[in-house]
Amino acid sequence: RGALTTFSIANDVAKYFAIIPAMFAGIFPGLQVLNIMQLH
């Protein structure tokens, strides 16, 4: 239970770097630096 809880929370942190830049990079160009995965 502790291991999967740790994985789940860490997992969510990584997903921020996928969605947040995609949503707001057009509004706030400075967020483009967070798009480290260079998604399509």
PDB file of all heavy atoms in Angstrom:
ATOM      1  N   ARG A   1       0.830  -1.203   0.000  1.00  0.00           N
ATOM      2  CA  ARG A   1       0.000   0.000   0.000  1.00  0.00           C
ATOM      3  C   ARG A   1       0.869   1.259   0.000  1.00  0.00           C
ATOM      4  O   ARG A   1       0.617   2.211  -0.753  1.00  0.00           O
ATOM      5  CB  ARG A   1      -0.917  -0.016   1.219  1.00  0.00           C
ATOM      6  CG  ARG A   1      -1.926   1.135   1.240  1.00  0.00           C
ATOM      7  CD  ARG A   1      -2.686   1.135   2.536  1.00  0.00           C
ATOM      8  NE  ARG A   1      -3.505  -0.048   2.667  1.00  0.00           N
ATOM      9  CZ  ARG A   1      -3.934  -0.534   3.823  1.00  0.00           C
ATOM     10  NH1 ARG A   1      -3.599   0.051   4.949  1.00  0.00           N
ATOM     11  NH2 ARG A   1      -4.685  -1.612   3.865  1.00  0.00           N
ATOM     12  N   GLY A   2       1.921   1.267   0.812  1.00  0.00           N
ATOM     13  CA  GLY A   2       2.810   2.426   0.857  1.00  0.00           C
ATOM     14  C   GLY A   2       3.569   2.623  -0.443  1.00  0.00           C
ATOM     15  O   GLY A   2       3.721   3.760  -0.925  1.00  0.00           O
ATOM     16  N   ALA A   3       4.027   1.521  -1.050  1.00  0.00           N
ATOM     17  CA  ALA A   3       4.793   1.620  -2.293  1.00  0.00           C
ATOM     18  C   ALA A   3       3.936   2.173  -3.423  1.00  0.00           C
ATOM     19  O   ALA A   3       4.370   3.060  -4.180  1.00  0.00           O
ATOM     20  CB  ALA A   3       5.348   0.246  -2.662  1.00  0.00           C
ATOM     21  N   LEU A   4       2.709   1.660  -3.556  1.00  0.00           N
ATOM     22  CA  LEU A   4       1.852   2.116  -4.656  1.00  0.00           C
ATOM     23  C   LEU A   4       1.324   3.530  -4.406  1.00  0.00           C
ATOM     24  O   LEU A   4       1.054   4.264  -5.355  1.00  0.00           O
ATOM     25  CB  LEU A   4       0.701   1.130  -4.866  1.00  0.00           C
ATOM     26  CG  LEU A   4       1.137  -0.236  -5.427  1.00  0.00           C
ATOM     27  CD1 LEU A   4      -0.067  -1.129  -5.670  1.00  0.00           C
ATOM     28  CD2 LEU A   4       1.928  -0.072  -6.717  1.00  0.00           C
ATOM     29  N   THR A   5       1.165   3.918  -3.145  1.00  0.00           N
ATOM     30  CA  THR A   5       0.797   5.305  -2.855  1.00  0.00           C
ATOM     31  C   THR A   5       1.932   6.242  -3.256  1.00  0.00           C
ATOM     32  O   THR A   5       1.698   7.303  -3.864  1.00  0.00           O
ATOM     33  CB  THR A   5       0.480   5.473  -1.361  1.00  0.00           C
ATOM     34  OG1 THR A   5      -0.598   4.602  -0.997  1.00  0.00           O
ATOM     35  CG2 THR A   5       0.082   6.903  -1.044  1.00  0.00           C
ATOM     36  N   THR A   6       3.148   5.856  -2.927  1.00  0.00           N
ATOM     37  CA  THR A   6       4.318   6.650  -3.321  1.00  0.00           C
ATOM     38  C   THR A   6       4.396   6.767  -4.839  1.00  0.00           C
ATOM     39  O   THR A   6       4.625   7.856  -5.388  1.00  0.00           O
ATOM     40  CB  THR A   6       5.604   5.999  -2.777  1.00  0.00           C
ATOM     41  OG1 THR A   6       5.512   5.886  -1.360  1.00  0.00           O
ATOM     42  CG2 THR A   6       6.835   6.826  -3.139  1.00  0.00           C
ATOM     43  N   PHE A   7       4.203   5.649  -5.528  1.00  0.00           N
ATOM     44  CA  PHE A   7       4.254   5.651  -6.997  1.00  0.00           C
ATOM     45  C   PHE A   7       3.164   6.547  -7.569  1.00  0.00           C
ATOM     46  O   PHE A   7       3.391   7.315  -8.506  1.00  0.00           O
ATOM     47  CB  PHE A   7       4.087   4.224  -7.527  1.00  0.00           C
ATOM     48  CG  PHE A   7       4.186   4.106  -9.018  1.00  0.00           C
ATOM     49  CD1 PHE A   7       5.401   3.847  -9.626  1.00  0.00           C
ATOM     50  CD2 PHE A   7       3.061   4.267  -9.829  1.00  0.00           C
ATOM     51  CE1 PHE A   7       5.496   3.746 -11.014  1.00  0.00           C
ATOM     52  CE2 PHE A   7       3.145   4.172 -11.198  1.00  0.00           C
ATOM     53  CZ  PHE A   7       4.372   3.909 -11.796  1.00  0.00           C
ATOM     54  N   SER A   8       1.957   6.459  -6.994  1.00  0.00           N
ATOM     55  CA  SER A   8       0.825   7.222  -7.521  1.00  0.00           C
ATOM     56  C   SER A   8       1.066   8.726  -7.411  1.00  0.00           C
ATOM     57  O   SER A   8       0.834   9.480  -8.364  1.00  0.00           O
ATOM     58  CB  SER A   8      -0.452   6.832  -6.771  1.00  0.00           C
ATOM     59  OG  SER A   8      -1.557   7.576  -7.216  1.00  0.00           O
ATOM     60  N   ILE A   9       1.533   9.177  -6.250  1.00  0.00           N
ATOM     61  CA  ILE A   9       1.762  10.617  -6.058  1.00  0.00           C
ATOM     62  C   ILE A   9       2.892  11.104  -6.961  1.00  0.00           C
ATOM     63  O   ILE A   9       2.799  12.167  -7.598  1.00  0.00           O
ATOM     64  CB  ILE A   9       2.061  10.904  -4.576  1.00  0.00           C
ATOM     65  CG1 ILE A   9       0.812  10.593  -3.728  1.00  0.00           C
ATOM     66  CG2 ILE A   9       2.490  12.343  -4.374  1.00  0.00           C
ATOM     67  CD1 ILE A   9       1.027  10.692  -2.243  1.00  0.00           C
ATOM     68  N   ALA A  10       3.992  10.311  -7.029  1.00  0.00           N
ATOM     69  CA  ALA A  10       5.100  10.685  -7.911  1.00  0.00           C
ATOM     70  C   ALA A  10       4.657  10.669  -9.375  1.00  0.00           C
ATOM     71  O   ALA A  10       5.081  11.512 -10.179  1.00  0.00           O
ATOM     72  CB  ALA A  10       6.268   9.724  -7.701  1.00  0.00           C
ATOM     73  N   ASN A  11       3.795   9.745  -9.702  1.00  0.00           N
ATOM     74  CA  ASN A  11       3.252   9.613 -11.046  1.00  0.00           C
ATOM     75  C   ASN A  11       2.484  10.879 -11.449  1.00  0.00           C
ATOM     76  O   ASN A  11       2.604  11.376 -12.576  1.00  0.00           O
ATOM     77  CB  ASN A  11       2.332   8.386 -11.049  1.00  0.00           C
ATOM     78  CG  ASN A  11       1.823   8.014 -12.412  1.00  0.00           C
ATOM     79  OD1 ASN A  11       2.601   7.820 -13.328  1.00  0.00           O
ATOM     80  ND2 ASN A  11       0.519   7.900 -12.536  1.00  0.00           N
ATOM     81  N   ASP A  12       1.706  11.426 -10.505  1.00  0.00           N
ATOM     82  CA  ASP A  12       0.925  12.633 -10.783  1.00  0.00           C
ATOM     83  C   ASP A  12       1.834  13.841 -11.016  1.00  0.00           C
ATOM     84  O   ASP A  12       1.551  14.688 -11.866  1.00  0.00           O
ATOM     85  CB  ASP A  12      -0.028  12.918  -9.615  1.00  0.00           C
ATOM     86  CG  ASP A  12      -1.114  11.856  -9.490  1.00  0.00           C
ATOM     87  OD1 ASP A  12      -1.407  11.205 -10.502  1.00  0.00           O
ATOM     88  OD2 ASP A  12      -1.641  11.678  -8.375  1.00  0.00           O
ATOM     89  N   VAL A  13       2.923  13.913 -10.258  1.00  0.00           N
ATOM     90  CA  VAL A  13       3.854  15.032 -10.430  1.00  0.00           C
ATOM     91  C   VAL A  13       4.378  15.074 -11.857  1.00  0.00           C
ATOM     92  O   VAL A  13       4.463  16.142 -12.483  1.00  0.00           O
ATOM     93  CB  VAL A  13       5.026  14.912  -9.423  1.00  0.00           C
ATOM     94  CG1 VAL A  13       6.105  15.944  -9.729  1.00  0.00           C
ATOM     95  CG2 VAL A  13       4.523  15.071  -7.997  1.00  0.00           C
ATOM     96  N   ALA A  14       4.737  13.915 -12.403  1.00  0.00           N
ATOM     97  CA  ALA A  14       5.288  13.866 -13.753  1.00  0.00           C
ATOM     98  C   ALA A  14       4.255  14.275 -14.798  1.00  0.00           C
ATOM     99  O   ALA A  14       4.597  14.900 -15.813  1.00  0.00           O
ATOM    100  CB  ALA A  14       5.803  12.461 -14.043  1.00  0.00           C
ATOM    101  N   LYS A  15       2.973  13.945 -14.535  1.00  0.00           N
ATOM    102  CA  LYS A  15       1.941  14.274 -15.534  1.00  0.00           C
ATOM    103  C   LYS A  15       1.690  15.779 -15.625  1.00  0.00           C
ATOM    104  O   LYS A  15       1.197  16.274 -16.636  1.00  0.00           O
ATOM    105  CB  LYS A  15       0.642  13.528 -15.201  1.00  0.00           C
ATOM    106  CG  LYS A  15       0.698  12.048 -15.570  1.00  0.00           C
ATOM    107  CD  LYS A  15      -0.584  11.313 -15.250  1.00  0.00           C
ATOM    108  CE  LYS A  15      -0.746  11.074 -13.773  1.00  0.00           C
ATOM    109  NZ  LYS A  15      -1.869  10.191 -13.440  1.00  0.00           N
ATOM    110  N   TYR A  16       2.055  16.516 -14.557  1.00  0.00           N
ATOM    111  CA  TYR A  16       1.901  17.970 -14.631  1.00  0.00           C
ATOM    112  C   TYR A  16       2.724  18.533 -15.788  1.00  0.00           C
ATOM    113  O   TYR A  16       2.307  19.472 -16.473  1.00  0.00           O
ATOM    114  CB  TYR A  16       2.373  18.646 -13.338  1.00  0.00           C
ATOM    115  CG  TYR A  16       1.695  18.184 -12.072  1.00  0.00           C
ATOM    116  CD1 TYR A  16       2.262  18.428 -10.830  1.00  0.00           C
ATOM    117  CD2 TYR A  16       0.484  17.501 -12.112  1.00  0.00           C
ATOM    118  CE1 TYR A  16       1.656  18.014  -9.653  1.00  0.00           C
ATOM    119  CE2 TYR A  16      -0.131  17.083 -10.944  1.00  0.00           C
ATOM    120  CZ  TYR A  16       0.462  17.334  -9.717  1.00  0.00           C
ATOM    121  OH  TYR A  16      -0.148  16.919  -8.563  1.00  0.00           O
ATOM    122  N   PHE A  17       3.915  17.962 -15.990  1.00  0.00           N
ATOM    123  CA  PHE A  17       4.811  18.468 -17.024  1.00  0.00           C
ATOM    124  C   PHE A  17       4.286  18.171 -18.423  1.00  0.00           C
ATOM    125  O   PHE A  17       4.770  18.740 -19.397  1.00  0.00           O
ATOM    126  CB  PHE A  17       6.205  17.851 -16.862  1.00  0.00           C
ATOM    127  CG  PHE A  17       6.960  18.378 -15.688  1.00  0.00           C
ATOM    128  CD1 PHE A  17       6.850  17.766 -14.443  1.00  0.00           C
ATOM    129  CD2 PHE A  17       7.768  19.493 -15.797  1.00  0.00           C
ATOM    130  CE1 PHE A  17       7.542  18.251 -13.347  1.00  0.00           C
ATOM    131  CE2 PHE A  17       8.469  19.989 -14.700  1.00  0.00           C
ATOM    132  CZ  PHE A  17       8.352  19.363 -13.473  1.00  0.00           C
ATOM    133  N   ALA A  18       3.300  17.288 -18.532  1.00  0.00           N
ATOM    134  CA  ALA A  18       2.714  17.003 -19.837  1.00  0.00           C
ATOM    135  C   ALA A  18       1.530  17.918 -20.121  1.00  0.00           C
ATOM    136  O   ALA A  18       1.393  18.463 -21.218  1.00  0.00           O
ATOM    137  CB  ALA A  18       2.269  15.541 -19.899  1.00  0.00           C
ATOM    138  N   ILE A  19       0.673  18.112 -19.115  1.00  0.00           N
ATOM    139  CA  ILE A  19      -0.584  18.824 -19.363  1.00  0.00           C
ATOM    140  C   ILE A  19      -0.457  20.337 -19.169  1.00  0.00           C
ATOM    141  O   ILE A  19      -0.953  21.114 -19.989  1.00  0.00           O
ATOM    142  CB  ILE A  19      -1.693  18.251 -18.447  1.00  0.00           C
ATOM    143  CG1 ILE A  19      -2.047  16.845 -18.917  1.00  0.00           C
ATOM    144  CG2 ILE A  19      -2.918  19.131 -18.458  1.00  0.00           C
ATOM    145  CD1 ILE A  19      -3.268  16.261 -18.291  1.00  0.00           C
ATOM    146  N   ILE A  20       0.176  20.791 -18.079  1.00  0.00           N
ATOM    147  CA  ILE A  20       0.234  22.228 -17.791  1.00  0.00           C
ATOM    148  C   ILE A  20       0.855  23.020 -18.947  1.00  0.00           C
ATOM    149  O   ILE A  20       0.270  24.021 -19.411  1.00  0.00           O
ATOM    150  CB  ILE A  20       0.982  22.497 -16.469  1.00  0.00           C
ATOM    151  CG1 ILE A  20       0.256  21.819 -15.296  1.00  0.00           C
ATOM    152  CG2 ILE A  20       1.131  23.991 -16.224  1.00  0.00           C
ATOM    153  CD1 ILE A  20      -1.125  22.347 -15.028  1.00  0.00           C
ATOM    154  N   PRO A  21       2.031  22.625 -19.469  1.00  0.00           N
ATOM    155  CA  PRO A  21       2.584  23.383 -20.613  1.00  0.00           C
ATOM    156  C   PRO A  21       1.666  23.341 -21.828  1.00  0.00           C
ATOM    157  O   PRO A  21       1.522  24.329 -22.552  1.00  0.00           O
ATOM    158  CB  PRO A  21       3.914  22.677 -20.902  1.00  0.00           C
ATOM    159  CG  PRO A  21       4.261  21.988 -19.640  1.00  0.00           C
ATOM    160  CD  PRO A  21       2.959  21.574 -19.039  1.00  0.00           C
ATOM    161  N   ALA A  22       1.023  22.201 -22.063  1.00  0.00           N
ATOM    162  CA  ALA A  22       0.145  22.071 -23.221  1.00  0.00           C
ATOM    163  C   ALA A  22      -1.054  23.007 -23.107  1.00  0.00           C
ATOM    164  O   ALA A  22      -1.532  23.561 -24.103  1.00  0.00           O
ATOM    165  CB  ALA A  22      -0.336  20.624 -23.353  1.00  0.00           C
ATOM    166  N   MET A  23      -1.547  23.219 -21.891  1.00  0.00           N
ATOM    167  CA  MET A  23      -2.729  24.047 -21.701  1.00  0.00           C
ATOM    168  C   MET A  23      -2.418  25.543 -21.754  1.00  0.00           C
ATOM    169  O   MET A  23      -3.181  26.331 -22.310  1.00  0.00           O
ATOM    170  CB  MET A  23      -3.390  23.722 -20.351  1.00  0.00           C
ATOM    171  CG  MET A  23      -4.093  22.377 -20.302  1.00  0.00           C
ATOM    172  SD  MET A  23      -4.827  22.080 -18.689  1.00  0.00           S
ATOM    173  CE  MET A  23      -5.939  23.460 -18.554  1.00  0.00           C
ATOM    174  N   PHE A  24      -1.280  25.943 -21.180  1.00  0.00           N
ATOM    175  CA  PHE A  24      -1.065  27.369 -20.956  1.00  0.00           C
ATOM    176  C   PHE A  24       0.156  27.964 -21.660  1.00  0.00           C
ATOM    177  O   PHE A  24       0.431  29.146 -21.512  1.00  0.00           O
ATOM    178  CB  PHE A  24      -0.942  27.635 -19.441  1.00  0.00           C
ATOM    179  CG  PHE A  24      -2.211  27.359 -18.687  1.00  0.00           C
ATOM    180  CD1 PHE A  24      -2.345  26.209 -17.929  1.00  0.00           C
ATOM    181  CD2 PHE A  24      -3.279  28.243 -18.754  1.00  0.00           C
ATOM    182  CE1 PHE A  24      -3.512  25.947 -17.238  1.00  0.00           C
ATOM    183  CE2 PHE A  24      -4.445  27.992 -18.061  1.00  0.00           C
ATOM    184  CZ  PHE A  24      -4.576  26.843 -17.299  1.00  0.00           C
ATOM    185  N   ALA A  25       0.887  27.138 -22.408  1.00  0.00           N
ATOM    186  CA  ALA A  25       2.065  27.695 -23.094  1.00  0.00           C
ATOM    187  C   ALA A  25       1.670  28.757 -24.101  1.00  0.00           C
ATOM    188  O   ALA A  25       2.409  29.724 -24.340  1.00  0.00           O
ATOM    189  CB  ALA A  25       2.850  26.575 -23.771  1.00  0.00           C
ATOM    190  N   GLY A  26       0.462  28.596 -24.701  1.00  0.00           N
ATOM    191  CA  GLY A  26       0.000  29.601 -25.661  1.00  0.00           C
ATOM    192  C   GLY A  26      -0.341  30.913 -24.990  1.00  0.00           C
ATOM    193  O   GLY A  26      -0.230  31.987 -25.593  1.00  0.00           O
ATOM    194  N   ILE A  27      -0.763  30.863 -23.729  1.00  0.00           N
ATOM    195  CA  ILE A  27      -1.120  32.079 -22.987  1.00  0.00           C
ATOM    196  C   ILE A  27       0.117  32.679 -22.329  1.00  0.00           C
ATOM    197  O   ILE A  27       0.339  33.884 -22.381  1.00  0.00           O
ATOM    198  CB  ILE A  27      -2.181  31.744 -21.908  1.00  0.00           C
ATOM    199  CG1 ILE A  27      -3.377  31.036 -22.529  1.00  0.00           C
ATOM    200  CG2 ILE A  27      -2.619  32.997 -21.185  1.00  0.00           C
ATOM    201  CD1 ILE A  27      -4.364  30.509 -21.522  1.00  0.00           C
ATOM    202  N   PHE A  28       0.895  31.778 -21.701  1.00  0.00           N
ATOM    203  CA  PHE A  28       2.103  32.215 -21.019  1.00  0.00           C
ATOM    204  C   PHE A  28       3.306  31.509 -21.665  1.00  0.00           C
ATOM    205  O   PHE A  28       3.654  30.390 -21.265  1.00  0.00           O
ATOM    206  CB  PHE A  28       2.042  31.877 -19.523  1.00  0.00           C
ATOM    207  CG  PHE A  28       0.814  32.424 -18.839  1.00  0.00           C
ATOM    208  CD1 PHE A  28      -0.229  31.582 -18.465  1.00  0.00           C
ATOM    209  CD2 PHE A  28       0.708  33.781 -18.573  1.00  0.00           C
ATOM    210  CE1 PHE A  28      -1.356  32.082 -17.834  1.00  0.00           C
ATOM    211  CE2 PHE A  28      -0.425  34.291 -17.939  1.00  0.00           C
ATOM    212  CZ  PHE A  28      -1.464  33.451 -17.575  1.00  0.00           C
ATOM    213  N   PRO A  29       3.913  32.105 -22.653  1.00  0.00           N
ATOM    214  CA  PRO A  29       5.014  31.453 -23.385  1.00  0.00           C
ATOM    215  C   PRO A  29       6.148  30.985 -22.474  1.00  0.00           C
ATOM    216  O   PRO A  29       6.862  30.041 -22.812  1.00  0.00           O
ATOM    217  CB  PRO A  29       5.492  32.555 -24.340  1.00  0.00           C
ATOM    218  CG  PRO A  29       4.301  33.436 -24.517  1.00  0.00           C
ATOM    219  CD  PRO A  29       3.590  33.434 -23.207  1.00  0.00           C
ATOM    220  N   GLY A  30       6.306  31.612 -21.341  1.00  0.00           N
ATOM    221  CA  GLY A  30       7.373  31.210 -20.432  1.00  0.00           C
ATOM    222  C   GLY A  30       7.235  29.779 -19.937  1.00  0.00           C
ATOM    223  O   GLY A  30       8.219  29.147 -19.538  1.00  0.00           O
ATOM    224  N   LEU A  31       5.987  29.231 -19.973  1.00  0.00           N
ATOM    225  CA  LEU A  31       5.760  27.854 -19.531  1.00  0.00           C
ATOM    226  C   LEU A  31       6.316  26.829 -20.517  1.00  0.00           C
ATOM    227  O   LEU A  31       6.381  25.642 -20.201  1.00  0.00           O
ATOM    228  CB  LEU A  31       4.256  27.599 -19.329  1.00  0.00           C
ATOM    229  CG  LEU A  31       3.602  28.307 -18.134  1.00  0.00           C
ATOM    230  CD1 LEU A  31       2.109  28.025 -18.104  1.00  0.00           C
ATOM    231  CD2 LEU A  31       4.241  27.857 -16.831  1.00  0.00           C
ATOM    232  N   GLN A  32       6.699  27.295 -21.706  1.00  0.00           N
ATOM    233  CA  GLN A  32       7.215  26.372 -22.710  1.00  0.00           C
ATOM    234  C   GLN A  32       8.478  25.658 -22.205  1.00  0.00           C
ATOM    235  O   GLN A  32       8.781  24.543 -22.619  1.00  0.00           O
ATOM    236  CB  GLN A  32       7.531  27.126 -24.013  1.00  0.00           C
ATOM    237  CG  GLN A  32       7.847  26.221 -25.203  1.00  0.00           C
ATOM    238  CD  GLN A  32       6.677  25.313 -25.577  1.00  0.00           C
ATOM    239  OE1 GLN A  32       5.523  25.723 -25.525  1.00  0.00           O
ATOM    240  NE2 GLN A  32       6.977  24.075 -25.925  1.00  0.00           N
ATOM    241  N   VAL A  33       9.185  26.302 -21.293  1.00  0.00           N
ATOM    242  CA  VAL A  33      10.399  25.689 -20.753  1.00  0.00           C
ATOM    243  C   VAL A  33      10.091  24.405 -19.982  1.00  0.00           C
ATOM    244  O   VAL A  33      10.952  23.535 -19.812  1.00  0.00           O
ATOM    245  CB  VAL A  33      11.142  26.696 -19.849  1.00  0.00           C
ATOM    246  CG1 VAL A  33      10.374  26.915 -18.549  1.00  0.00           C
ATOM    247  CG2 VAL A  33      12.568  26.215 -19.556  1.00  0.00           C
ATOM    248  N   LEU A  34       8.824  24.281 -19.491  1.00  0.00           N
ATOM    249  CA  LEU A  34       8.426  23.068 -18.773  1.00  0.00           C
ATOM    250  C   LEU A  34       8.075  21.918 -19.713  1.00  0.00           C
ATOM    251  O   LEU A  34       7.924  20.785 -19.261  1.00  0.00           O
ATOM    252  CB  LEU A  34       7.222  23.360 -17.869  1.00  0.00           C
ATOM    253  CG  LEU A  34       7.446  24.384 -16.747  1.00  0.00           C
ATOM    254  CD1 LEU A  34       6.149  24.591 -15.977  1.00  0.00           C
ATOM    255  CD2 LEU A  34       8.554  23.922 -15.811  1.00  0.00           C
ATOM    256  N   ASN A  35       7.941  22.210 -20.993  1.00  0.00           N
ATOM    257  CA  ASN A  35       7.572  21.175 -21.960  1.00  0.00           C
ATOM    258  C   ASN A  35       8.811  20.355 -22.307  1.00  0.00           C
ATOM    259  O   ASN A  35       9.252  20.306 -23.462  1.00  0.00           O
ATOM    260  CB  ASN A  35       6.969  21.817 -23.209  1.00  0.00           C
ATOM    261  CG  ASN A  35       6.362  20.768 -24.148  1.00  0.00           C
ATOM    262  OD1 ASN A  35       6.107  19.630 -23.741  1.00  0.00           O
ATOM    263  ND2 ASN A  35       6.152  21.153 -25.394  1.00  0.00           N
ATOM    264  N   ILE A  36       9.387  19.733 -21.305  1.00  0.00           N
ATOM    265  CA  ILE A  36      10.652  19.017 -21.502  1.00  0.00           C
ATOM    266  C   ILE A  36      10.487  17.748 -22.334  1.00  0.00           C
ATOM    267  O   ILE A  36      11.458  17.213 -22.838  1.00  0.00           O
ATOM    268  CB  ILE A  36      11.293  18.670 -20.142  1.00  0.00           C
ATOM    269  CG1 ILE A  36      10.336  17.828 -19.297  1.00  0.00           C
ATOM    270  CG2 ILE A  36      11.703  19.938 -19.417  1.00  0.00           C
ATOM    271  CD1 ILE A  36      10.908  17.433 -17.955  1.00  0.00           C
ATOM    272  N   MET A  37       9.236  17.237 -22.462  1.00  0.00           N
ATOM    273  CA  MET A  37       9.026  16.044 -23.292  1.00  0.00           C
ATOM    274  C   MET A  37       8.871  16.385 -24.767  1.00  0.00           C
ATOM    275  O   MET A  37       8.895  15.488 -25.597  1.00  0.00           O
ATOM    276  CB  MET A  37       7.780  15.286 -22.795  1.00  0.00           C
ATOM    277  CG  MET A  37       8.023  14.498 -21.520  1.00  0.00           C
ATOM    278  SD  MET A  37       6.608  13.473 -21.049  1.00  0.00           S
ATOM    279  CE  MET A  37       5.621  14.657 -20.171  1.00  0.00           C
ATOM    280  N   GLN A  38       8.699  17.692 -25.066  1.00  0.00           N
ATOM    281  CA  GLN A  38       8.529  18.136 -26.457  1.00  0.00           C
ATOM    282  C   GLN A  38       7.424  17.330 -27.150  1.00  0.00           C
ATOM    283  O   GLN A  38       7.615  16.722 -28.196  1.00  0.00           O
ATOM    284  CB  GLN A  38       9.845  17.990 -27.228  1.00  0.00           C
ATOM    285  CG  GLN A  38      10.971  18.884 -26.728  1.00  0.00           C
ATOM    286  CD  GLN A  38      10.627  20.376 -26.838  1.00  0.00           C
ATOM    287  OE1 GLN A  38      10.262  20.852 -27.919  1.00  0.00           O
ATOM    288  NE2 GLN A  38      10.740  21.089 -25.729  1.00  0.00           N
ATOM    289  N   LEU A  39       6.244  17.360 -26.542  1.00  0.00           N
ATOM    290  CA  LEU A  39       5.115  16.625 -27.091  1.00  0.00           C
ATOM    291  C   LEU A  39       4.607  17.299 -28.351  1.00  0.00           C
ATOM    292  O   LEU A  39       4.811  18.492 -28.582  1.00  0.00           O
ATOM    293  CB  LEU A  39       4.006  16.521 -26.037  1.00  0.00           C
ATOM    294  CG  LEU A  39       4.437  15.814 -24.725  1.00  0.00           C
ATOM    295  CD1 LEU A  39       3.298  15.793 -23.734  1.00  0.00           C
ATOM    296  CD2 LEU A  39       4.936  14.404 -24.999  1.00  0.00           C
ATOM    297  N   HIS A  40       3.918  16.505 -29.179  1.00  0.00           N
ATOM    298  CA  HIS A  40       3.589  16.931 -30.539  1.00  0.00           C
ATOM    299  C   HIS A  40       2.681  18.146 -30.571  1.00  0.00           C
ATOM    300  O   HIS A  40       2.882  19.084 -31.352  1.00  0.00           O
ATOM    301  CB  HIS A  40       2.948  15.763 -31.288  1.00  0.00           C
ATOM    302  CG  HIS A  40       2.645  16.049 -32.718  1.00  0.00           C
ATOM    303  ND1 HIS A  40       1.396  16.450 -33.159  1.00  0.00           N
ATOM    304  CD2 HIS A  40       3.439  16.022 -33.816  1.00  0.00           C
ATOM    305  CE1 HIS A  40       1.433  16.627 -34.467  1.00  0.00           C
ATOM    306  NE2 HIS A  40       2.655  16.368 -34.900  1.00  0.00           N
TER     307      HIS A  40
END
